[in-house]
Amino acid sequence: MLTAIYYFYQYSLRSAPSVMMPQLSEAFGVSALGVASIVGLFYYGYSPFSLVAGAAMDQLGPRRVLPVAAAVVGLGALLFATGRSDVASLGRVLQGAGGVFALVGAIYIATKNFPASNAATLVGATQMFGMAGGSAGQFVVGPMIGGGLAWNRFWIGMGIAGLGIGLLLAVFLPKEKQEKRLDNWLSTTVASFRVVFSNPQSILCGLIAGLLFIPTTIFDMVWGVRYLQEAHGLDYASAVMRSSAVPFGWIIGCPLLGFISDRLGRRKPVIIGGAAALMACMAWILFGRTGVFPPYVVGLMAGVASGAAMLPYSVIKEANPPQFGGTATGVVNFLNFTFSALLGPVFAWILQHMSGGAGRMEKEHYQVAFAPLLLGVAVAIILSFFLRETGPAARASSSRVVQGMKA
């Protein structure tokens, strides 16, 4: 439970900047593009440290790792509150570097202590806590900022909270039943990475997850509020509430699609179906007419559908040896968020280029900049057909075939 709270906390920090872009722009003395670049540095910490987090879980165990990681996130929040762009940039990287341990640790703990037949449901429930934080980072923090809370006071408070979470994790996380040995850790870690990275299924999982995550991590959590204000003329409060409907949809979609996948015993049909629904929702958000659906429906359904992005986290663990479970989670997270780290600045540059550097951007600018998201989701659907089915039904069928051959 504490690890889930930690994950909720770091995700709220990840999404909170989207509701305070004007305040951050003024404080740092940079344009909206500059703020987006600073905010996007989160993924420059999050992506590479996914590998560190996965190996650390396998080699050291959560109790030795998670308290330090949470404290690093808290420190990053305090640095972000200084108002200096260079210090805030470092703070944002630290938030990502420490924050990734929350997801990897939560999945590691959940899948180590529950049956494999419930793997997708557990991974989805884990992500549910994160997206609850992502949603709260918008619909809770937005009204607080709109009500006059100084942006830096928010970050100072969250920094102190991170240090407190680290302390609680150090006190209450249980010890491993069998203490991890540290001898030969380097050779063991290298061997685990070699096994996971050399498996083509691992690469496919990372690519699919990354392409399905981008509409949330870049479009909604960075540009969503501003898009709704500038392209659709919504006031700040309405834009915040509509944007937060996407991560709120994740709260529903992650455990729901995981549960459906476990009940079907298959992963691929749910990934493909969710991705197709996400593509339809994104197309409507960018090009559809306003007023056809109730205010929050399309954003909510986009969030529910994009919950399919968590299923590759189950597939990669099932497609690799069980003793490398933490490493496998770290690898898929690394590949996943490398997309966000590399493409975030690209989308920001396209917006800047299309608008000619204007302070306010038009709907057409956003459409041109983010239309490639639809192509990315389509590619994810195609790649899903090349995944090996690893769900319980497929494993049971394979086991019966093997037994039949032996007989």
Protein backbone atom coordinates (compact mmCIF):
# COMPACT_ATOMS: atom_id res chain seq x y z
CA MET A 1 0.00 0.00 0.00
CA LEU A 2 2.83 2.42 0.84
CA THR A 3 4.43 1.74 -2.54
CA ALA A 4 1.11 2.50 -4.24
CA ILE A 5 0.93 5.80 -2.34
CA TYR A 6 4.46 6.56 -3.51
CA TYR A 7 3.40 5.86 -7.08
CA PHE A 8 0.32 8.10 -6.69
CA TYR A 9 2.59 10.85 -5.36
CA GLN A 10 5.16 10.76 -8.15
CA TYR A 11 2.47 10.68 -10.85
CA SER A 12 0.80 13.77 -9.38
CA LEU A 13 4.15 15.56 -9.70
CA ARG A 14 4.46 14.34 -13.27
CA SER A 15 1.14 15.87 -14.36
CA ALA A 16 0.91 18.95 -12.12
CA PRO A 17 2.94 21.33 -14.37
CA SER A 18 0.23 21.19 -17.07
CA VAL A 19 -2.11 23.26 -14.86
CA MET A 20 0.46 25.96 -14.04
CA MET A 21 2.20 26.60 -17.36
CA PRO A 22 1.69 30.42 -17.31
CA GLN A 23 2.98 30.68 -13.72
CA LEU A 24 6.02 28.54 -14.52
CA SER A 25 6.72 30.54 -17.66
CA GLU A 26 6.74 33.77 -15.67
CA ALA A 27 8.79 32.34 -12.79
CA PHE A 28 11.46 30.77 -15.00
CA GLY A 29 11.52 33.64 -17.47
CA VAL A 30 11.02 31.36 -20.49
CA SER A 31 8.34 30.79 -23.14
CA ALA A 32 5.74 28.04 -23.04
CA LEU A 33 8.08 26.00 -25.23
CA GLY A 34 10.86 26.51 -22.68
CA VAL A 35 8.58 25.38 -19.84
CA ALA A 36 7.56 22.30 -21.83
CA SER A 37 11.24 21.48 -22.34
CA ILE A 38 11.97 21.77 -18.60
CA VAL A 39 8.89 19.72 -17.68
CA GLY A 40 9.85 17.08 -20.27
CA LEU A 41 13.20 16.55 -18.53
CA PHE A 42 11.25 14.30 -16.15
CA TYR A 43 11.50 11.56 -18.77
CA TYR A 44 15.24 12.03 -19.18
CA GLY A 45 15.53 10.78 -15.61
CA TYR A 46 12.63 8.36 -15.76
CA SER A 47 13.66 6.48 -18.90
CA PRO A 48 17.31 5.51 -18.21
CA PHE A 49 16.70 4.89 -14.52
CA SER A 50 14.03 2.35 -15.46
CA LEU A 51 16.90 -0.02 -16.18
CA VAL A 52 18.56 0.78 -12.87
CA ALA A 53 15.27 0.29 -11.00
CA GLY A 54 14.53 -3.07 -12.60
CA ALA A 55 17.99 -4.49 -11.90
CA ALA A 56 17.97 -3.05 -8.37
CA MET A 57 14.69 -4.81 -7.54
CA ASP A 58 16.08 -8.15 -8.67
CA GLN A 59 19.48 -7.68 -7.02
CA LEU A 60 18.70 -5.69 -3.84
CA GLY A 61 14.98 -5.93 -3.18
CA PRO A 62 12.46 -3.09 -2.60
CA ARG A 63 13.37 -2.36 1.03
CA ARG A 64 16.92 -1.27 0.17
CA VAL A 65 15.90 0.81 -2.81
CA LEU A 66 12.47 2.46 -2.52
CA PRO A 67 13.07 4.73 0.53
CA VAL A 68 16.08 6.37 -1.12
CA ALA A 69 14.24 6.76 -4.41
CA ALA A 70 11.26 8.49 -2.76
CA ALA A 71 13.59 10.90 -0.96
CA VAL A 72 15.23 11.73 -4.32
CA VAL A 73 11.81 12.65 -5.75
CA GLY A 74 11.18 14.90 -2.74
CA LEU A 75 14.54 16.59 -3.24
CA GLY A 76 13.72 17.10 -6.91
CA ALA A 77 10.46 18.82 -6.00
CA LEU A 78 12.26 21.18 -3.61
CA LEU A 79 14.79 22.08 -6.31
CA PHE A 80 11.95 22.72 -8.77
CA ALA A 81 10.44 25.19 -6.29
CA THR A 82 13.50 27.50 -6.42
CA GLY A 83 12.25 29.29 -9.52
CA ARG A 84 15.65 29.07 -11.21
CA SER A 85 15.39 27.31 -14.55
CA ASP A 86 18.76 25.54 -14.26
CA VAL A 87 18.10 24.25 -10.74
CA ALA A 88 14.50 23.38 -11.63
CA SER A 89 15.77 21.39 -14.63
CA LEU A 90 17.97 19.31 -12.35
CA GLY A 91 15.05 18.89 -9.97
CA ARG A 92 12.82 17.66 -12.76
CA VAL A 93 15.39 15.04 -13.79
CA LEU A 94 15.64 13.87 -10.17
CA GLN A 95 11.85 13.59 -9.97
CA GLY A 96 11.91 11.24 -12.95
CA ALA A 97 14.96 9.27 -11.78
CA GLY A 98 13.45 8.62 -8.36
CA GLY A 99 9.86 8.34 -9.55
CA VAL A 100 10.43 5.36 -11.83
CA PHE A 101 11.25 3.17 -8.81
CA ALA A 102 7.64 3.56 -7.67
CA LEU A 103 6.12 1.76 -10.67
CA VAL A 104 8.83 -0.89 -10.94
CA GLY A 105 8.74 -1.50 -7.19
CA ALA A 106 4.95 -1.69 -7.02
CA ILE A 107 4.74 -4.17 -9.91
CA TYR A 108 7.60 -6.21 -8.45
CA ILE A 109 5.90 -6.48 -5.04
CA ALA A 110 2.47 -7.24 -6.51
CA THR A 111 3.58 -9.95 -8.94
CA LYS A 112 5.89 -11.59 -6.39
CA ASN A 113 3.08 -12.09 -3.90
CA PHE A 114 0.09 -13.08 -6.05
CA PRO A 115 -0.72 -15.84 -8.61
CA ALA A 116 0.50 -15.42 -12.19
CA SER A 117 -3.06 -15.90 -13.47
CA ASN A 118 -3.93 -12.47 -12.05
CA ALA A 119 -0.84 -10.74 -13.42
CA ALA A 120 -2.57 -8.33 -15.82
CA THR A 121 -5.19 -7.38 -13.23
CA LEU A 122 -2.49 -6.63 -10.66
CA VAL A 123 -0.39 -4.59 -13.07
CA GLY A 124 -3.51 -2.66 -14.09
CA ALA A 125 -4.45 -2.04 -10.46
CA THR A 126 -0.92 -0.78 -9.81
CA GLN A 127 -1.16 1.67 -12.70
CA MET A 128 -4.59 2.73 -11.43
CA PHE A 129 -2.95 4.29 -8.38
CA GLY A 130 -0.48 6.14 -10.59
CA MET A 131 -3.15 7.57 -12.85
CA ALA A 132 -5.23 8.55 -9.83
CA GLY A 133 -2.22 10.69 -8.93
CA GLY A 134 -2.01 11.94 -12.52
CA SER A 135 -5.65 12.93 -12.45
CA ALA A 136 -5.28 14.56 -9.02
CA GLY A 137 -2.26 16.47 -10.31
CA GLN A 138 -4.69 18.19 -12.67
CA PHE A 139 -8.19 18.36 -11.23
CA VAL A 140 -7.09 18.89 -7.60
CA VAL A 141 -4.01 21.04 -8.16
CA GLY A 142 -5.66 23.10 -10.92
CA PRO A 143 -8.35 24.63 -8.66
CA MET A 144 -5.73 25.18 -5.93
CA ILE A 145 -3.55 27.20 -8.32
CA GLY A 146 -6.62 28.96 -9.71
CA GLY A 147 -7.65 29.79 -6.16
CA GLY A 148 -4.41 31.64 -5.48
CA LEU A 149 -1.98 29.00 -4.17
CA ALA A 150 1.53 30.03 -5.16
CA TRP A 151 3.08 27.50 -7.51
CA ASN A 152 6.31 27.27 -5.49
CA ARG A 153 4.42 26.61 -2.25
CA PHE A 154 2.85 23.60 -3.91
CA TRP A 155 6.26 22.22 -4.88
CA ILE A 156 7.76 22.86 -1.45
CA GLY A 157 4.89 20.98 0.16
CA MET A 158 5.26 18.09 -2.25
CA GLY A 159 9.02 18.00 -1.64
CA ILE A 160 8.48 17.63 2.10
CA ALA A 161 5.86 14.95 1.41
CA GLY A 162 8.37 12.99 -0.69
CA LEU A 163 10.91 13.00 2.12
CA GLY A 164 8.19 11.81 4.50
CA ILE A 165 7.16 8.97 2.17
CA GLY A 166 10.80 7.88 1.98
CA LEU A 167 10.97 7.72 5.76
CA LEU A 168 7.74 5.69 6.00
CA LEU A 169 8.99 3.25 3.37
CA ALA A 170 12.23 2.78 5.30
CA VAL A 171 10.31 1.99 8.48
CA PHE A 172 7.42 -0.13 7.22
CA LEU A 173 8.55 -2.02 4.12
CA PRO A 174 9.04 -5.67 5.17
CA LYS A 175 12.38 -7.38 4.86
CA GLU A 176 12.90 -9.93 2.12
CA LYS A 177 12.18 -13.49 3.23
CA GLN A 178 15.63 -14.32 1.97
CA GLU A 179 18.09 -11.43 2.00
CA LYS A 180 19.47 -10.69 -1.44
CA ARG A 181 23.14 -11.53 -1.88
CA LEU A 182 25.36 -8.81 -3.29
CA ASP A 183 28.26 -10.95 -4.49
CA ASN A 184 28.59 -11.23 -8.28
CA TRP A 185 25.81 -8.64 -8.66
CA LEU A 186 27.42 -7.02 -11.71
CA SER A 187 27.71 -10.23 -13.73
CA THR A 188 24.20 -11.26 -12.69
CA THR A 189 22.78 -7.88 -13.72
CA VAL A 190 24.55 -7.94 -17.09
CA ALA A 191 23.30 -11.48 -17.70
CA SER A 192 19.71 -10.49 -16.89
CA PHE A 193 19.83 -7.52 -19.28
CA ARG A 194 21.32 -9.73 -21.99
CA VAL A 195 18.49 -12.23 -21.67
CA VAL A 196 15.70 -9.65 -21.66
CA PHE A 197 17.08 -7.35 -24.38
CA SER A 198 17.93 -10.26 -26.69
CA ASN A 199 14.32 -11.42 -26.62
CA PRO A 200 12.48 -9.82 -29.60
CA GLN A 201 9.24 -9.98 -27.61
CA SER A 202 10.75 -7.56 -25.08
CA ILE A 203 11.45 -4.99 -27.78
CA LEU A 204 7.95 -5.36 -29.19
CA CYS A 205 6.44 -4.83 -25.73
CA GLY A 206 8.44 -1.63 -25.25
CA LEU A 207 7.53 -0.24 -28.66
CA ILE A 208 3.82 -0.97 -28.26
CA ALA A 209 3.64 0.47 -24.74
CA GLY A 210 5.56 3.58 -25.80
CA LEU A 211 3.34 4.31 -28.79
CA LEU A 212 0.19 3.89 -26.67
CA PHE A 213 1.51 6.02 -23.79
CA ILE A 214 2.49 9.12 -25.80
CA PRO A 215 -1.05 10.50 -26.19
CA THR A 216 -1.23 10.66 -22.39
CA THR A 217 2.33 11.61 -21.40
CA ILE A 218 2.93 14.28 -24.04
CA PHE A 219 -0.39 15.44 -25.43
CA ASP A 220 -2.60 15.40 -22.34
CA MET A 221 -0.20 15.84 -19.43
CA VAL A 222 1.87 18.60 -21.03
CA TRP A 223 -0.30 20.33 -23.65
CA GLY A 224 -3.84 19.18 -22.83
CA VAL A 225 -4.99 22.18 -20.79
CA ARG A 226 -3.47 24.71 -23.15
CA TYR A 227 -4.91 22.91 -26.19
CA LEU A 228 -8.42 23.10 -24.77
CA GLN A 229 -7.99 26.78 -23.88
CA GLU A 230 -6.49 27.90 -27.18
CA ALA A 231 -8.08 25.54 -29.70
CA HIS A 232 -11.56 25.37 -28.15
CA GLY A 233 -11.76 28.59 -26.17
CA LEU A 234 -12.45 26.95 -22.81
CA ASP A 235 -11.76 28.80 -19.60
CA TYR A 236 -8.94 27.56 -17.38
CA ALA A 237 -11.12 25.65 -14.89
CA SER A 238 -13.09 23.83 -17.61
CA ALA A 239 -9.91 22.96 -19.51
CA VAL A 240 -8.35 21.48 -16.38
CA MET A 241 -11.38 19.33 -15.64
CA ARG A 242 -11.66 18.04 -19.21
CA SER A 243 -7.95 17.30 -19.45
CA SER A 244 -8.00 15.43 -16.14
CA ALA A 245 -10.71 13.14 -17.54
CA VAL A 246 -8.01 11.27 -19.49
CA PRO A 247 -5.96 10.08 -16.48
CA PHE A 248 -9.24 9.51 -14.64
CA GLY A 249 -10.15 7.13 -17.46
CA TRP A 250 -6.90 5.29 -16.76
CA ILE A 251 -8.09 4.70 -13.21
CA ILE A 252 -10.94 2.71 -14.75
CA GLY A 253 -9.22 1.29 -17.81
CA CYS A 254 -6.00 -0.11 -16.35
CA PRO A 255 -7.57 -2.59 -13.88
CA LEU A 256 -10.60 -3.20 -16.13
CA LEU A 257 -8.62 -4.15 -19.23
CA GLY A 258 -6.22 -6.17 -17.09
CA PHE A 259 -9.17 -8.04 -15.58
CA ILE A 260 -10.70 -8.67 -19.01
CA SER A 261 -7.36 -9.95 -20.29
CA ASP A 262 -6.99 -12.33 -17.34
CA ARG A 263 -10.56 -13.59 -17.74
CA LEU A 264 -10.06 -14.16 -21.47
CA GLY A 265 -6.67 -15.67 -20.75
CA ARG A 266 -5.25 -13.66 -23.66
CA ARG A 267 -3.38 -10.37 -24.03
CA LYS A 268 -3.31 -9.54 -27.74
CA PRO A 269 -7.06 -9.05 -28.43
CA VAL A 270 -7.36 -6.60 -25.52
CA ILE A 271 -4.26 -4.64 -26.57
CA ILE A 272 -5.50 -4.36 -30.16
CA GLY A 273 -9.06 -3.47 -29.14
CA GLY A 274 -7.93 -0.85 -26.65
CA ALA A 275 -5.51 0.68 -29.15
CA ALA A 276 -8.21 0.90 -31.84
CA ALA A 277 -10.57 2.65 -29.42
CA LEU A 278 -7.77 5.04 -28.37
CA MET A 279 -7.07 5.95 -32.00
CA ALA A 280 -10.76 6.72 -32.58
CA CYS A 281 -10.92 8.92 -29.47
CA MET A 282 -7.72 10.80 -30.36
CA ALA A 283 -8.98 11.42 -33.89
CA TRP A 284 -12.18 12.90 -32.48
CA ILE A 285 -10.34 15.04 -29.91
CA LEU A 286 -8.16 16.55 -32.65
CA PHE A 287 -10.58 16.73 -35.60
CA GLY A 288 -14.11 16.07 -34.35
CA ARG A 289 -16.85 18.65 -33.83
CA THR A 290 -17.38 19.98 -30.32
CA GLY A 291 -20.70 19.63 -28.57
CA VAL A 292 -21.60 16.23 -30.04
CA PHE A 293 -20.76 14.31 -26.87
CA PRO A 294 -21.14 15.35 -23.22
CA PRO A 295 -18.09 17.34 -21.98
CA TYR A 296 -15.98 14.59 -20.39
CA VAL A 297 -16.97 11.49 -22.38
CA VAL A 298 -14.33 11.47 -25.13
CA GLY A 299 -11.43 12.23 -22.78
CA LEU A 300 -12.67 9.62 -20.31
CA MET A 301 -13.01 6.97 -23.02
CA ALA A 302 -9.53 7.82 -24.37
CA GLY A 303 -8.15 7.21 -20.89
CA VAL A 304 -10.03 3.93 -20.49
CA ALA A 305 -8.85 2.68 -23.88
CA SER A 306 -5.23 3.68 -23.34
CA GLY A 307 -5.16 1.46 -20.28
CA ALA A 308 -4.23 -1.22 -22.83
CA ALA A 309 -0.70 0.25 -22.73
CA MET A 310 -0.13 -1.56 -19.43
CA LEU A 311 -0.72 -5.03 -20.86
CA PRO A 312 2.74 -5.20 -22.49
CA TYR A 313 4.09 -4.94 -18.91
CA SER A 314 2.43 -8.31 -18.24
CA VAL A 315 3.53 -9.78 -21.57
CA ILE A 316 7.21 -8.97 -21.08
CA LYS A 317 7.24 -10.60 -17.65
CA GLU A 318 5.54 -13.71 -19.07
CA ALA A 319 7.86 -13.83 -22.09
CA ASN A 320 11.05 -13.82 -19.99
CA PRO A 321 12.40 -16.02 -17.16
CA PRO A 322 10.60 -15.31 -13.85
CA GLN A 323 13.83 -14.56 -11.96
CA PHE A 324 14.28 -11.52 -14.22
CA GLY A 325 10.86 -10.03 -13.45
CA GLY A 326 12.18 -6.73 -12.12
CA THR A 327 14.63 -6.36 -14.99
CA ALA A 328 11.87 -7.08 -17.52
CA THR A 329 9.66 -4.36 -16.01
CA GLY A 330 12.57 -1.95 -16.07
CA VAL A 331 13.31 -2.72 -19.72
CA VAL A 332 9.74 -2.17 -20.91
CA ASN A 333 9.56 1.04 -18.89
CA PHE A 334 12.87 2.22 -20.38
CA LEU A 335 11.74 1.56 -23.94
CA ASN A 336 8.31 2.99 -23.24
CA PHE A 337 9.37 6.33 -21.81
CA THR A 338 12.32 6.78 -24.13
CA PHE A 339 9.61 7.68 -26.63
CA SER A 340 8.32 10.42 -24.34
CA ALA A 341 11.83 11.70 -23.59
CA LEU A 342 12.84 11.89 -27.24
CA LEU A 343 9.57 12.95 -28.83
CA GLY A 344 8.40 15.52 -26.27
CA PRO A 345 10.78 18.22 -27.59
CA VAL A 346 9.90 17.23 -31.17
CA PHE A 347 6.19 17.89 -30.68
CA ALA A 348 7.00 21.16 -28.90
CA TRP A 349 9.24 22.22 -31.81
CA ILE A 350 6.55 21.40 -34.37
CA LEU A 351 4.06 23.53 -32.45
CA GLN A 352 6.55 26.39 -32.27
CA HIS A 353 7.34 26.07 -35.98
CA MET A 354 3.69 25.91 -37.04
CA SER A 355 2.73 28.95 -34.97
CA GLY A 356 5.73 30.97 -36.12
CA GLY A 357 6.69 31.58 -32.51
CA ALA A 358 3.35 33.23 -31.69
CA GLY A 359 2.37 33.36 -28.05
CA ARG A 360 -1.02 31.84 -28.80
CA MET A 361 -1.47 28.80 -31.03
CA GLU A 362 -4.49 27.91 -33.16
CA LYS A 363 -6.39 24.65 -33.45
CA GLU A 364 -4.78 23.91 -36.83
CA HIS A 365 -1.31 24.13 -35.25
CA TYR A 366 -2.21 21.48 -32.67
CA GLN A 367 -3.80 19.27 -35.33
CA VAL A 368 -0.69 19.26 -37.50
CA ALA A 369 1.63 18.76 -34.51
CA PHE A 370 -0.26 15.89 -32.90
CA ALA A 371 -1.77 14.09 -35.91
CA PRO A 372 1.30 11.75 -35.93
CA LEU A 373 -0.04 10.33 -32.65
CA LEU A 374 -2.71 8.57 -34.70
CA LEU A 375 -0.06 7.00 -36.92
CA GLY A 376 1.85 5.89 -33.82
CA VAL A 377 -1.20 4.11 -32.39
CA ALA A 378 -1.80 2.45 -35.78
CA VAL A 379 1.80 1.17 -35.77
CA ALA A 380 1.25 -0.19 -32.23
CA ILE A 381 -1.76 -2.15 -33.50
CA ILE A 382 0.28 -3.65 -36.35
CA LEU A 383 3.15 -4.58 -34.01
CA SER A 384 0.68 -6.28 -31.63
CA PHE A 385 -0.02 -8.94 -34.25
CA PHE A 386 3.63 -10.00 -33.99
CA LEU A 387 3.47 -10.50 -30.21
CA ARG A 388 3.50 -14.06 -28.95
CA GLU A 389 0.37 -14.69 -26.92
CA THR A 390 1.44 -15.23 -23.30
CA GLY A 391 -1.90 -15.15 -21.46
CA PRO A 392 -3.01 -17.99 -19.14
CA ALA A 393 -5.16 -19.62 -21.83
CA ALA A 394 -2.25 -19.74 -24.28
CA ARG A 395 0.09 -21.15 -21.63
CA ALA A 396 -2.45 -23.80 -20.66
CA SER A 397 -2.93 -24.77 -24.31
CA SER A 398 0.83 -25.01 -24.82
CA SER A 399 1.17 -27.15 -21.70
CA ARG A 400 -1.51 -29.57 -22.97
CA VAL A 401 0.29 -29.87 -26.30
CA VAL A 402 3.57 -30.69 -24.56
CA GLN A 403 1.90 -33.27 -22.33
CA GLY A 404 0.23 -34.83 -25.37
CA MET A 405 3.57 -35.14 -27.15
CA LYS A 406 5.11 -36.83 -24.10
CA ALA A 407 2.23 -39.24 -23.91
